[in-house]
């Protein structure tokens, strides 16, 4: 479960989940980022052992970890949404990577449609 949550977090830079899952995900994701900050061969193999998604390990080492090279820790942020999930009444939170905004593709407007 933690691997899949971490994969979604690194893909979208932020996800909405329950408070308990976010608290469990935080130390797992932060350890992965800390290991990725020093991109040696042994660290890459260690990441692949703990997090077996080659495309995500590459993205983690090439895109995400360099953003945190001067930061000693605290790469994630948990934001309470104040909502409750229907069914089990679990508190919903958003966990996101600090400094990354959710990047959504902008809709391009053609010149013909604008006129």
PDB file of N, CA and C in Angstrom:
ATOM      1  N   UNK A   1       0.819  -1.180   0.000  1.00  0.00           N
ATOM      2  CA  UNK A   1       0.000   0.000   0.000  1.00  0.00           C
ATOM      3  C   UNK A   1       0.871   1.254   0.000  1.00  0.00           C
ATOM      4  N   UNK A   2       1.925   1.255   0.821  1.00  0.00           N
ATOM      5  CA  UNK A   2       2.791   2.434   0.884  1.00  0.00           C
ATOM      6  C   UNK A   2       3.503   2.687  -0.437  1.00  0.00           C
ATOM      7  N   UNK A   3       3.893   1.625  -1.126  1.00  0.00           N
ATOM      8  CA  UNK A   3       4.553   1.808  -2.417  1.00  0.00           C
ATOM      9  C   UNK A   3       3.625   2.468  -3.426  1.00  0.00           C
ATOM     10  N   UNK A   4       2.372   2.037  -3.456  1.00  0.00           N
ATOM     11  CA  UNK A   4       1.417   2.619  -4.392  1.00  0.00           C
ATOM     12  C   UNK A   4       1.083   4.059  -4.022  1.00  0.00           C
ATOM     13  N   UNK A   5       0.953   4.350  -2.748  1.00  0.00           N
ATOM     14  CA  UNK A   5       0.710   5.728  -2.326  1.00  0.00           C
ATOM     15  C   UNK A   5       1.905   6.615  -2.674  1.00  0.00           C
ATOM     16  N   UNK A   6       3.116   6.114  -2.463  1.00  0.00           N
ATOM     17  CA  UNK A   6       4.315   6.888  -2.796  1.00  0.00           C
ATOM     18  C   UNK A   6       4.412   7.117  -4.298  1.00  0.00           C
ATOM     19  N   UNK A   7       4.040   6.111  -5.064  1.00  0.00           N
ATOM     20  CA  UNK A   7       4.074   6.274  -6.522  1.00  0.00           C
ATOM     21  C   UNK A   7       3.107   7.379  -6.964  1.00  0.00           C
ATOM     22  N   UNK A   8       1.915   7.395  -6.385  1.00  0.00           N
ATOM     23  CA  UNK A   8       0.948   8.451  -6.714  1.00  0.00           C
ATOM     24  C   UNK A   8       1.456   9.812  -6.252  1.00  0.00           C
ATOM     25  N   UNK A   9       2.086   9.869  -5.086  1.00  0.00           N
ATOM     26  CA  UNK A   9       2.618  11.129  -4.575  1.00  0.00           C
ATOM     27  C   UNK A   9       3.704  11.678  -5.486  1.00  0.00           C
ATOM     28  N   UNK A  10       4.604  10.823  -5.960  1.00  0.00           N
ATOM     29  CA  UNK A  10       5.677  11.285  -6.830  1.00  0.00           C
ATOM     30  C   UNK A  10       5.183  11.582  -8.242  1.00  0.00           C
ATOM     31  N   UNK A  11       4.086  10.984  -8.646  1.00  0.00           N
ATOM     32  CA  UNK A  11       3.528  11.258  -9.974  1.00  0.00           C
ATOM     33  C   UNK A  11       2.796  12.595 -10.001  1.00  0.00           C
ATOM     34  N   UNK A  12       1.924  12.818  -9.007  1.00  0.00           N
ATOM     35  CA  UNK A  12       1.066  14.004  -9.007  1.00  0.00           C
ATOM     36  C   UNK A  12       1.530  15.085  -8.047  1.00  0.00           C
ATOM     37  N   UNK A  13       2.601  14.847  -7.292  1.00  0.00           N
ATOM     38  CA  UNK A  13       3.169  15.779  -6.319  1.00  0.00           C
ATOM     39  C   UNK A  13       2.236  16.076  -5.155  1.00  0.00           C
ATOM     40  N   UNK A  14       1.072  15.473  -5.105  1.00  0.00           N
ATOM     41  CA  UNK A  14       0.153  15.634  -3.997  1.00  0.00           C
ATOM     42  C   UNK A  14      -1.063  14.739  -4.190  1.00  0.00           C
ATOM     43  N   UNK A  15      -1.542  14.117  -3.092  1.00  0.00           N
ATOM     44  CA  UNK A  15      -2.698  13.240  -3.174  1.00  0.00           C
ATOM     45  C   UNK A  15      -3.605  13.475  -1.975  1.00  0.00           C
ATOM     46  N   UNK A  16      -4.868  13.126  -2.135  1.00  0.00           N
ATOM     47  CA  UNK A  16      -5.830  13.200  -1.042  1.00  0.00           C
ATOM     48  C   UNK A  16      -6.063  11.781  -0.545  1.00  0.00           C
ATOM     49  N   UNK A  17      -5.889  11.594   0.748  1.00  0.00           N
ATOM     50  CA  UNK A  17      -6.034  10.279   1.360  1.00  0.00           C
ATOM     51  C   UNK A  17      -6.484  10.467   2.803  1.00  0.00           C
ATOM     52  N   UNK A  18      -6.565   9.379   3.551  1.00  0.00           N
ATOM     53  CA  UNK A  18      -6.963   9.495   4.950  1.00  0.00           C
ATOM     54  C   UNK A  18      -5.760   9.907   5.798  1.00  0.00           C
ATOM     55  N   UNK A  19      -6.052  10.398   6.990  1.00  0.00           N
ATOM     56  CA  UNK A  19      -5.009  10.885   7.877  1.00  0.00           C
ATOM     57  C   UNK A  19      -4.054   9.762   8.276  1.00  0.00           C
ATOM     58  N   UNK A  20      -4.579   8.593   8.565  1.00  0.00           N
ATOM     59  CA  UNK A  20      -3.743   7.468   8.981  1.00  0.00           C
ATOM     60  C   UNK A  20      -2.793   7.035   7.865  1.00  0.00           C
ATOM     61  N   UNK A  21      -3.290   6.976   6.635  1.00  0.00           N
ATOM     62  CA  UNK A  21      -2.437   6.589   5.515  1.00  0.00           C
ATOM     63  C   UNK A  21      -1.363   7.644   5.251  1.00  0.00           C
ATOM     64  N   UNK A  22      -1.719   8.913   5.369  1.00  0.00           N
ATOM     65  CA  UNK A  22      -0.750   9.992   5.144  1.00  0.00           C
ATOM     66  C   UNK A  22       0.353   9.965   6.196  1.00  0.00           C
ATOM     67  N   UNK A  23      -0.014   9.692   7.446  1.00  0.00           N
ATOM     68  CA  UNK A  23       0.994   9.621   8.503  1.00  0.00           C
ATOM     69  C   UNK A  23       1.926   8.433   8.311  1.00  0.00           C
ATOM     70  N   UNK A  24       1.425   7.349   7.740  1.00  0.00           N
ATOM     71  CA  UNK A  24       2.272   6.193   7.463  1.00  0.00           C
ATOM     72  C   UNK A  24       3.152   6.436   6.235  1.00  0.00           C
ATOM     73  N   UNK A  25       2.640   7.174   5.263  1.00  0.00           N
ATOM     74  CA  UNK A  25       3.361   7.436   4.023  1.00  0.00           C
ATOM     75  C   UNK A  25       4.499   8.422   4.208  1.00  0.00           C
ATOM     76  N   UNK A  26       4.341   9.391   5.068  1.00  0.00           N
ATOM     77  CA  UNK A  26       5.318  10.465   5.225  1.00  0.00           C
ATOM     78  C   UNK A  26       6.749   9.965   5.472  1.00  0.00           C
ATOM     79  N   UNK A  27       7.021   9.132   6.491  1.00  0.00           N
ATOM     80  CA  UNK A  27       8.411   8.705   6.692  1.00  0.00           C
ATOM     81  C   UNK A  27       8.941   7.826   5.559  1.00  0.00           C
ATOM     82  N   UNK A  28       8.079   7.029   4.937  1.00  0.00           N
ATOM     83  CA  UNK A  28       8.501   6.176   3.826  1.00  0.00           C
ATOM     84  C   UNK A  28       8.960   7.032   2.642  1.00  0.00           C
ATOM     85  N   UNK A  29       8.152   8.031   2.266  1.00  0.00           N
ATOM     86  CA  UNK A  29       8.475   8.890   1.128  1.00  0.00           C
ATOM     87  C   UNK A  29       9.702   9.760   1.417  1.00  0.00           C
ATOM     88  N   UNK A  30       9.820  10.256   2.640  1.00  0.00           N
ATOM     89  CA  UNK A  30      10.954  11.116   2.963  1.00  0.00           C
ATOM     90  C   UNK A  30      12.267  10.332   2.974  1.00  0.00           C
ATOM     91  N   UNK A  31      12.245   9.082   3.393  1.00  0.00           N
ATOM     92  CA  UNK A  31      13.458   8.258   3.330  1.00  0.00           C
ATOM     93  C   UNK A  31      13.872   8.017   1.885  1.00  0.00           C
ATOM     94  N   UNK A  32      12.893   7.777   1.013  1.00  0.00           N
ATOM     95  CA  UNK A  32      13.213   7.576  -0.405  1.00  0.00           C
ATOM     96  C   UNK A  32      13.861   8.823  -1.000  1.00  0.00           C
ATOM     97  N   UNK A  33      13.342  10.000  -0.681  1.00  0.00           N
ATOM     98  CA  UNK A  33      13.901  11.242  -1.206  1.00  0.00           C
ATOM     99  C   UNK A  33      15.307  11.469  -0.654  1.00  0.00           C
ATOM    100  N   UNK A  34      15.506  11.180   0.615  1.00  0.00           N
ATOM    101  CA  UNK A  34      16.829  11.348   1.217  1.00  0.00           C
ATOM    102  C   UNK A  34      17.859  10.446   0.544  1.00  0.00           C
ATOM    103  N   UNK A  35      17.483   9.223   0.254  1.00  0.00           N
ATOM    104  CA  UNK A  35      18.398   8.307  -0.439  1.00  0.00           C
ATOM    105  C   UNK A  35      18.665   8.803  -1.857  1.00  0.00           C
ATOM    106  N   UNK A  36      17.644   9.334  -2.525  1.00  0.00           N
ATOM    107  CA  UNK A  36      17.775   9.780  -3.915  1.00  0.00           C
ATOM    108  C   UNK A  36      18.617  11.047  -4.047  1.00  0.00           C
ATOM    109  N   UNK A  37      18.811  11.778  -2.969  1.00  0.00           N
ATOM    110  CA  UNK A  37      19.616  13.000  -3.037  1.00  0.00           C
ATOM    111  C   UNK A  37      21.076  12.708  -3.341  1.00  0.00           C
ATOM    112  N   UNK A  38      21.549  11.500  -3.040  1.00  0.00           N
ATOM    113  CA  UNK A  38      22.914  11.088  -3.349  1.00  0.00           C
ATOM    114  C   UNK A  38      22.834   9.968  -4.390  1.00  0.00           C
ATOM    115  N   UNK A  39      22.839  10.313  -5.687  1.00  0.00           N
ATOM    116  CA  UNK A  39      22.524   9.317  -6.726  1.00  0.00           C
ATOM    117  C   UNK A  39      23.690   8.412  -7.114  1.00  0.00           C
ATOM    118  N   UNK A  40      24.181   7.623  -6.187  1.00  0.00           N
ATOM    119  CA  UNK A  40      25.207   6.637  -6.516  1.00  0.00           C
ATOM    120  C   UNK A  40      24.537   5.355  -7.000  1.00  0.00           C
ATOM    121  N   UNK A  41      25.330   4.470  -7.536  1.00  0.00           N
ATOM    122  CA  UNK A  41      24.793   3.207  -8.029  1.00  0.00           C
ATOM    123  C   UNK A  41      24.190   2.385  -6.895  1.00  0.00           C
ATOM    124  N   UNK A  42      24.865   2.361  -5.756  1.00  0.00           N
ATOM    125  CA  UNK A  42      24.346   1.583  -4.634  1.00  0.00           C
ATOM    126  C   UNK A  42      23.043   2.177  -4.101  1.00  0.00           C
ATOM    127  N   UNK A  43      22.920   3.509  -4.110  1.00  0.00           N
ATOM    128  CA  UNK A  43      21.662   4.122  -3.669  1.00  0.00           C
ATOM    129  C   UNK A  43      20.536   3.873  -4.662  1.00  0.00           C
ATOM    130  N   UNK A  44      20.870   3.845  -5.948  1.00  0.00           N
ATOM    131  CA  UNK A  44      19.847   3.537  -6.958  1.00  0.00           C
ATOM    132  C   UNK A  44      19.333   2.109  -6.761  1.00  0.00           C
ATOM    133  N   UNK A  45      20.254   1.180  -6.482  1.00  0.00           N
ATOM    134  CA  UNK A  45      19.846  -0.205  -6.246  1.00  0.00           C
ATOM    135  C   UNK A  45      19.048  -0.333  -4.955  1.00  0.00           C
ATOM    136  N   UNK A  46      19.411   0.434  -3.939  1.00  0.00           N
ATOM    137  CA  UNK A  46      18.661   0.434  -2.684  1.00  0.00           C
ATOM    138  C   UNK A  46      17.245   0.961  -2.906  1.00  0.00           C
ATOM    139  N   UNK A  47      17.124   2.018  -3.710  1.00  0.00           N
ATOM    140  CA  UNK A  47      15.790   2.550  -4.034  1.00  0.00           C
ATOM    141  C   UNK A  47      14.959   1.527  -4.791  1.00  0.00           C
ATOM    142  N   UNK A  48      15.568   0.849  -5.747  1.00  0.00           N
ATOM    143  CA  UNK A  48      14.830  -0.154  -6.515  1.00  0.00           C
ATOM    144  C   UNK A  48      14.416  -1.335  -5.654  1.00  0.00           C
ATOM    145  N   UNK A  49      15.180  -1.637  -4.628  1.00  0.00           N
ATOM    146  CA  UNK A  49      14.805  -2.719  -3.717  1.00  0.00           C
ATOM    147  C   UNK A  49      13.602  -2.307  -2.869  1.00  0.00           C
ATOM    148  N   UNK A  50      13.583  -1.074  -2.398  1.00  0.00           N
ATOM    149  CA  UNK A  50      12.494  -0.616  -1.541  1.00  0.00           C
ATOM    150  C   UNK A  50      11.273  -0.150  -2.334  1.00  0.00           C
ATOM    151  N   UNK A  51      11.513   0.326  -3.548  1.00  0.00           N
ATOM    152  CA  UNK A  51      10.474   0.961  -4.357  1.00  0.00           C
ATOM    153  C   UNK A  51      10.644   0.484  -5.795  1.00  0.00           C
ATOM    154  N   UNK A  52      10.090  -0.690  -6.163  1.00  0.00           N
ATOM    155  CA  UNK A  52      10.439  -1.361  -7.417  1.00  0.00           C
ATOM    156  C   UNK A  52       9.735  -0.831  -8.668  1.00  0.00           C
ATOM    157  N   UNK A  53       9.763   0.477  -8.867  1.00  0.00           N
ATOM    158  CA  UNK A  53       9.195   1.085 -10.076  1.00  0.00           C
ATOM    159  C   UNK A  53      10.325   1.860 -10.746  1.00  0.00           C
ATOM    160  N   UNK A  54      10.885   1.303 -11.823  1.00  0.00           N
ATOM    161  CA  UNK A  54      12.057   1.911 -12.454  1.00  0.00           C
ATOM    162  C   UNK A  54      11.800   3.330 -12.935  1.00  0.00           C
ATOM    163  N   UNK A  55      10.620   3.566 -13.520  1.00  0.00           N
ATOM    164  CA  UNK A  55      10.320   4.897 -14.025  1.00  0.00           C
ATOM    165  C   UNK A  55      10.215   5.918 -12.888  1.00  0.00           C
ATOM    166  N   UNK A  56       9.661   5.509 -11.753  1.00  0.00           N
ATOM    167  CA  UNK A  56       9.528   6.419 -10.624  1.00  0.00           C
ATOM    168  C   UNK A  56      10.867   6.676  -9.939  1.00  0.00           C
ATOM    169  N   UNK A  57      11.732   5.670  -9.896  1.00  0.00           N
ATOM    170  CA  UNK A  57      13.061   5.875  -9.312  1.00  0.00           C
ATOM    171  C   UNK A  57      13.853   6.858 -10.170  1.00  0.00           C
ATOM    172  N   UNK A  58      13.732   6.733 -11.475  1.00  0.00           N
ATOM    173  CA  UNK A  58      14.409   7.674 -12.377  1.00  0.00           C
ATOM    174  C   UNK A  58      13.874   9.087 -12.169  1.00  0.00           C
ATOM    175  N   UNK A  59      12.563   9.239 -12.077  1.00  0.00           N
ATOM    176  CA  UNK A  59      11.973  10.553 -11.846  1.00  0.00           C
ATOM    177  C   UNK A  59      12.374  11.098 -10.476  1.00  0.00           C
ATOM    178  N   UNK A  60      12.425  10.241  -9.496  1.00  0.00           N
ATOM    179  CA  UNK A  60      12.807  10.638  -8.146  1.00  0.00           C
ATOM    180  C   UNK A  60      14.236  11.166  -8.120  1.00  0.00           C
ATOM    181  N   UNK A  61      15.148  10.482  -8.795  1.00  0.00           N
ATOM    182  CA  UNK A  61      16.550  10.893  -8.797  1.00  0.00           C
ATOM    183  C   UNK A  61      16.786  12.105  -9.690  1.00  0.00           C
ATOM    184  N   UNK A  62      16.140  12.148 -10.861  1.00  0.00           N
ATOM    185  CA  UNK A  62      16.411  13.204 -11.836  1.00  0.00           C
ATOM    186  C   UNK A  62      15.635  14.495 -11.599  1.00  0.00           C
ATOM    187  N   UNK A  63      14.383  14.409 -11.118  1.00  0.00           N
ATOM    188  CA  UNK A  63      13.542  15.595 -11.014  1.00  0.00           C
ATOM    189  C   UNK A  63      13.241  16.030  -9.584  1.00  0.00           C
ATOM    190  N   UNK A  64      12.885  15.085  -8.736  1.00  0.00           N
ATOM    191  CA  UNK A  64      12.392  15.447  -7.405  1.00  0.00           C
ATOM    192  C   UNK A  64      13.522  15.721  -6.425  1.00  0.00           C
ATOM    193  N   UNK A  65      14.485  14.817  -6.314  1.00  0.00           N
ATOM    194  CA  UNK A  65      15.569  14.961  -5.330  1.00  0.00           C
ATOM    195  C   UNK A  65      16.421  16.220  -5.538  1.00  0.00           C
ATOM    196  N   UNK A  66      16.736  16.627  -6.772  1.00  0.00           N
ATOM    197  CA  UNK A  66      17.521  17.856  -6.925  1.00  0.00           C
ATOM    198  C   UNK A  66      16.818  19.112  -6.378  1.00  0.00           C
ATOM    199  N   UNK A  67      15.501  19.098  -6.333  1.00  0.00           N
ATOM    200  CA  UNK A  67      14.778  20.240  -5.776  1.00  0.00           C
ATOM    201  C   UNK A  67      15.006  20.381  -4.274  1.00  0.00           C
ATOM    202  N   UNK A  68      15.373  19.286  -3.621  1.00  0.00           N
ATOM    203  CA  UNK A  68      15.543  19.274  -2.174  1.00  0.00           C
ATOM    204  C   UNK A  68      17.003  19.160  -1.749  1.00  0.00           C
ATOM    205  N   UNK A  69      17.953  19.448  -2.643  1.00  0.00           N
ATOM    206  CA  UNK A  69      19.361  19.214  -2.320  1.00  0.00           C
ATOM    207  C   UNK A  69      19.858  20.052  -1.136  1.00  0.00           C
ATOM    208  N   UNK A  70      19.321  21.243  -0.926  1.00  0.00           N
ATOM    209  CA  UNK A  70      19.749  22.096   0.185  1.00  0.00           C
ATOM    210  C   UNK A  70      18.846  21.961   1.405  1.00  0.00           C
ATOM    211  N   UNK A  71      17.816  21.161   1.304  1.00  0.00           N
ATOM    212  CA  UNK A  71      16.856  21.005   2.401  1.00  0.00           C
ATOM    213  C   UNK A  71      17.217  19.764   3.218  1.00  0.00           C
ATOM    214  N   UNK A  72      17.390  19.899   4.538  1.00  0.00           N
ATOM    215  CA  UNK A  72      17.814  18.752   5.347  1.00  0.00           C
ATOM    216  C   UNK A  72      16.711  17.758   5.686  1.00  0.00           C
ATOM    217  N   UNK A  73      15.476  18.059   5.424  1.00  0.00           N
ATOM    218  CA  UNK A  73      14.367  17.153   5.737  1.00  0.00           C
ATOM    219  C   UNK A  73      13.057  17.891   5.593  1.00  0.00           C
ATOM    220  N   UNK A  74      11.967  17.230   5.910  1.00  0.00           N
ATOM    221  CA  UNK A  74      10.660  17.869   5.810  1.00  0.00           C
ATOM    222  C   UNK A  74      10.238  18.107   4.377  1.00  0.00           C
ATOM    223  N   UNK A  75      10.277  17.061   3.573  1.00  0.00           N
ATOM    224  CA  UNK A  75       9.971  17.189   2.148  1.00  0.00           C
ATOM    225  C   UNK A  75       8.479  17.125   1.857  1.00  0.00           C
ATOM    226  N   UNK A  76       7.692  16.646   2.814  1.00  0.00           N
ATOM    227  CA  UNK A  76       6.252  16.522   2.601  1.00  0.00           C
ATOM    228  C   UNK A  76       5.496  17.389   3.593  1.00  0.00           C
ATOM    229  N   UNK A  77       4.270  17.697   3.228  1.00  0.00           N
ATOM    230  CA  UNK A  77       3.401  18.506   4.081  1.00  0.00           C
ATOM    231  C   UNK A  77       2.022  17.854   4.090  1.00  0.00           C
ATOM    232  N   UNK A  78       1.437  17.744   5.281  1.00  0.00           N
ATOM    233  CA  UNK A  78       0.098  17.188   5.421  1.00  0.00           C
ATOM    234  C   UNK A  78      -0.849  18.330   5.747  1.00  0.00           C
ATOM    235  N   UNK A  79      -1.874  18.481   4.934  1.00  0.00           N
ATOM    236  CA  UNK A  79      -2.851  19.557   5.106  1.00  0.00           C
ATOM    237  C   UNK A  79      -4.208  18.932   5.379  1.00  0.00           C
ATOM    238  N   UNK A  80      -4.810  19.288   6.505  1.00  0.00           N
ATOM    239  CA  UNK A  80      -6.134  18.761   6.851  1.00  0.00           C
ATOM    240  C   UNK A  80      -7.183  19.464   6.000  1.00  0.00           C
ATOM    241  N   UNK A  81      -8.084  18.684   5.428  1.00  0.00           N
ATOM    242  CA  UNK A  81      -9.111  19.242   4.557  1.00  0.00           C
ATOM    243  C   UNK A  81     -10.408  19.545   5.297  1.00  0.00           C
ATOM    244  N   UNK A  82     -10.601  18.975   6.460  1.00  0.00           N
ATOM    245  CA  UNK A  82     -11.817  19.228   7.225  1.00  0.00           C
ATOM    246  C   UNK A  82     -13.014  18.434   6.744  1.00  0.00           C
ATOM    247  N   UNK A  83     -12.788  17.529   5.838  1.00  0.00           N
ATOM    248  CA  UNK A  83     -13.873  16.681   5.335  1.00  0.00           C
ATOM    249  C   UNK A  83     -13.744  15.300   5.949  1.00  0.00           C
ATOM    250  N   UNK A  84     -14.829  14.584   5.925  1.00  0.00           N
ATOM    251  CA  UNK A  84     -14.840  13.198   6.386  1.00  0.00           C
ATOM    252  C   UNK A  84     -15.267  12.316   5.226  1.00  0.00           C
ATOM    253  N   UNK A  85     -14.666  11.137   5.156  1.00  0.00           N
ATOM    254  CA  UNK A  85     -15.009  10.208   4.094  1.00  0.00           C
ATOM    255  C   UNK A  85     -16.332   9.551   4.420  1.00  0.00           C
ATOM    256  N   UNK A  86     -17.152   9.416   3.428  1.00  0.00           N
ATOM    257  CA  UNK A  86     -18.447   8.792   3.607  1.00  0.00           C
ATOM    258  C   UNK A  86     -18.279   7.301   3.817  1.00  0.00           C
ATOM    259  N   UNK A  87     -18.971   6.744   4.741  1.00  0.00           N
ATOM    260  CA  UNK A  87     -18.888   5.315   4.987  1.00  0.00           C
ATOM    261  C   UNK A  87     -18.218   5.017   6.310  1.00  0.00           C
ATOM    262  N   UNK A  88     -16.941   5.371   6.434  1.00  0.00           N
ATOM    263  CA  UNK A  88     -16.248   5.080   7.692  1.00  0.00           C
ATOM    264  C   UNK A  88     -15.898   6.343   8.468  1.00  0.00           C
ATOM    265  N   UNK A  89     -16.251   7.511   7.951  1.00  0.00           N
ATOM    266  CA  UNK A  89     -16.070   8.789   8.640  1.00  0.00           C
ATOM    267  C   UNK A  89     -14.594   9.085   8.930  1.00  0.00           C
ATOM    268  N   UNK A  90     -13.698   8.630   8.065  1.00  0.00           N
ATOM    269  CA  UNK A  90     -12.271   8.885   8.249  1.00  0.00           C
ATOM    270  C   UNK A  90     -11.943  10.310   7.799  1.00  0.00           C
ATOM    271  N   UNK A  91     -11.052  10.951   8.527  1.00  0.00           N
ATOM    272  CA  UNK A  91     -10.663  12.320   8.201  1.00  0.00           C
ATOM    273  C   UNK A  91      -9.788  12.331   6.951  1.00  0.00           C
ATOM    274  N   UNK A  92     -10.094  13.216   6.012  1.00  0.00           N
ATOM    275  CA  UNK A  92      -9.335  13.323   4.773  1.00  0.00           C
ATOM    276  C   UNK A  92      -8.294  14.423   4.889  1.00  0.00           C
ATOM    277  N   UNK A  93      -7.111  14.151   4.331  1.00  0.00           N
ATOM    278  CA  UNK A  93      -6.026  15.117   4.310  1.00  0.00           C
ATOM    279  C   UNK A  93      -5.388  15.099   2.931  1.00  0.00           C
ATOM    280  N   UNK A  94      -4.623  16.136   2.641  1.00  0.00           N
ATOM    281  CA  UNK A  94      -3.834  16.170   1.415  1.00  0.00           C
ATOM    282  C   UNK A  94      -2.371  16.114   1.829  1.00  0.00           C
ATOM    283  N   UNK A  95      -1.641  15.180   1.268  1.00  0.00           N
ATOM    284  CA  UNK A  95      -0.198  15.120   1.488  1.00  0.00           C
ATOM    285  C   UNK A  95       0.450  15.525   0.178  1.00  0.00           C
ATOM    286  N   UNK A  96       1.402  16.466   0.259  1.00  0.00           N
ATOM    287  CA  UNK A  96       2.032  16.963  -0.957  1.00  0.00           C
ATOM    288  C   UNK A  96       3.512  17.191  -0.718  1.00  0.00           C
ATOM    289  N   UNK A  97       4.255  17.251  -1.803  1.00  0.00           N
ATOM    290  CA  UNK A  97       5.669  17.557  -1.738  1.00  0.00           C
ATOM    291  C   UNK A  97       5.820  19.068  -1.627  1.00  0.00           C
ATOM    292  N   UNK A  98       6.639  19.513  -0.705  1.00  0.00           N
ATOM    293  CA  UNK A  98       6.834  20.936  -0.475  1.00  0.00           C
ATOM    294  C   UNK A  98       7.560  21.533  -1.681  1.00  0.00           C
ATOM    295  N   UNK A  99       7.072  22.649  -2.185  1.00  0.00           N
ATOM    296  CA  UNK A  99       7.714  23.322  -3.303  1.00  0.00           C
ATOM    297  C   UNK A  99       7.208  22.903  -4.666  1.00  0.00           C
ATOM    298  N   UNK A 100       6.413  21.865  -4.727  1.00  0.00           N
ATOM    299  CA  UNK A 100       5.849  21.416  -6.002  1.00  0.00           C
ATOM    300  C   UNK A 100       4.363  21.755  -5.994  1.00  0.00           C
ATOM    301  N   UNK A 101       3.901  22.331  -7.043  1.00  0.00           N
ATOM    302  CA  UNK A 101       2.478  22.582  -7.195  1.00  0.00           C
ATOM    303  C   UNK A 101       1.919  21.549  -8.145  1.00  0.00           C
ATOM    304  N   UNK A 102       0.681  21.219  -7.962  1.00  0.00           N
ATOM    305  CA  UNK A 102       0.047  20.243  -8.849  1.00  0.00           C
ATOM    306  C   UNK A 102       0.034  20.820 -10.259  1.00  0.00           C
ATOM    307  N   UNK A 103       0.660  20.132 -11.165  1.00  0.00           N
ATOM    308  CA  UNK A 103       0.803  20.617 -12.527  1.00  0.00           C
ATOM    309  C   UNK A 103      -0.262  19.986 -13.403  1.00  0.00           C
ATOM    310  N   UNK A 104      -1.187  20.812 -13.857  1.00  0.00           N
ATOM    311  CA  UNK A 104      -2.235  20.318 -14.727  1.00  0.00           C
ATOM    312  C   UNK A 104      -2.046  20.948 -16.105  1.00  0.00           C
ATOM    313  N   UNK A 105      -2.279  20.196 -17.158  1.00  0.00           N
ATOM    314  CA  UNK A 105      -2.115  20.768 -18.495  1.00  0.00           C
ATOM    315  C   UNK A 105      -3.153  21.841 -18.763  1.00  0.00           C
ATOM    316  N   UNK A 106      -2.687  22.943 -19.317  1.00  0.00           N
ATOM    317  CA  UNK A 106      -3.601  24.038 -19.623  1.00  0.00           C
ATOM    318  C   UNK A 106      -4.280  23.770 -20.962  1.00  0.00           C
ATOM    319  N   UNK A 107      -5.519  24.185 -21.042  1.00  0.00           N
ATOM    320  CA  UNK A 107      -6.268  23.999 -22.268  1.00  0.00           C
ATOM    321  C   UNK A 107      -5.839  25.082 -23.246  1.00  0.00           C
ATOM    322  N   UNK A 108      -5.406  24.658 -24.424  1.00  0.00           N
ATOM    323  CA  UNK A 108      -4.962  25.614 -25.421  1.00  0.00           C
ATOM    324  C   UNK A 108      -6.166  26.087 -26.223  1.00  0.00           C
ATOM    325  N   UNK A 109      -6.238  27.381 -26.422  1.00  0.00           N
ATOM    326  CA  UNK A 109      -7.322  27.979 -27.182  1.00  0.00           C
ATOM    327  C   UNK A 109      -6.794  28.299 -28.573  1.00  0.00           C
ATOM    328  N   UNK A 110      -7.472  27.785 -29.572  1.00  0.00           N
ATOM    329  CA  UNK A 110      -7.060  28.068 -30.947  1.00  0.00           C
ATOM    330  C   UNK A 110      -7.468  29.491 -31.308  1.00  0.00           C
ATOM    331  N   UNK A 111      -6.736  30.065 -32.238  1.00  0.00           N
ATOM    332  CA  UNK A 111      -7.023  31.445 -32.643  1.00  0.00           C
ATOM    333  C   UNK A 111      -8.404  31.572 -33.268  1.00  0.00           C
ATOM    334  N   UNK A 112      -8.846  30.540 -33.982  1.00  0.00           N
ATOM    335  CA  UNK A 112     -10.145  30.571 -34.636  1.00  0.00           C
ATOM    336  C   UNK A 112     -11.272  30.624 -33.607  1.00  0.00           C
ATOM    337  N   UNK A 113     -11.102  29.884 -32.495  1.00  0.00           N
ATOM    338  CA  UNK A 113     -12.134  29.856 -31.465  1.00  0.00           C
ATOM    339  C   UNK A 113     -12.167  31.152 -30.663  1.00  0.00           C
ATOM    340  N   UNK A 114     -11.016  31.823 -30.539  1.00  0.00           N
ATOM    341  CA  UNK A 114     -10.941  33.045 -29.752  1.00  0.00           C
ATOM    342  C   UNK A 114     -11.596  34.215 -30.458  1.00  0.00           C
ATOM    343  N   UNK A 115     -11.640  34.179 -31.791  1.00  0.00           N
ATOM    344  CA  UNK A 115     -12.183  35.312 -32.557  1.00  0.00           C
ATOM    345  C   UNK A 115     -13.678  35.237 -32.686  1.00  0.00           C
TER     346      UNK A 115
END
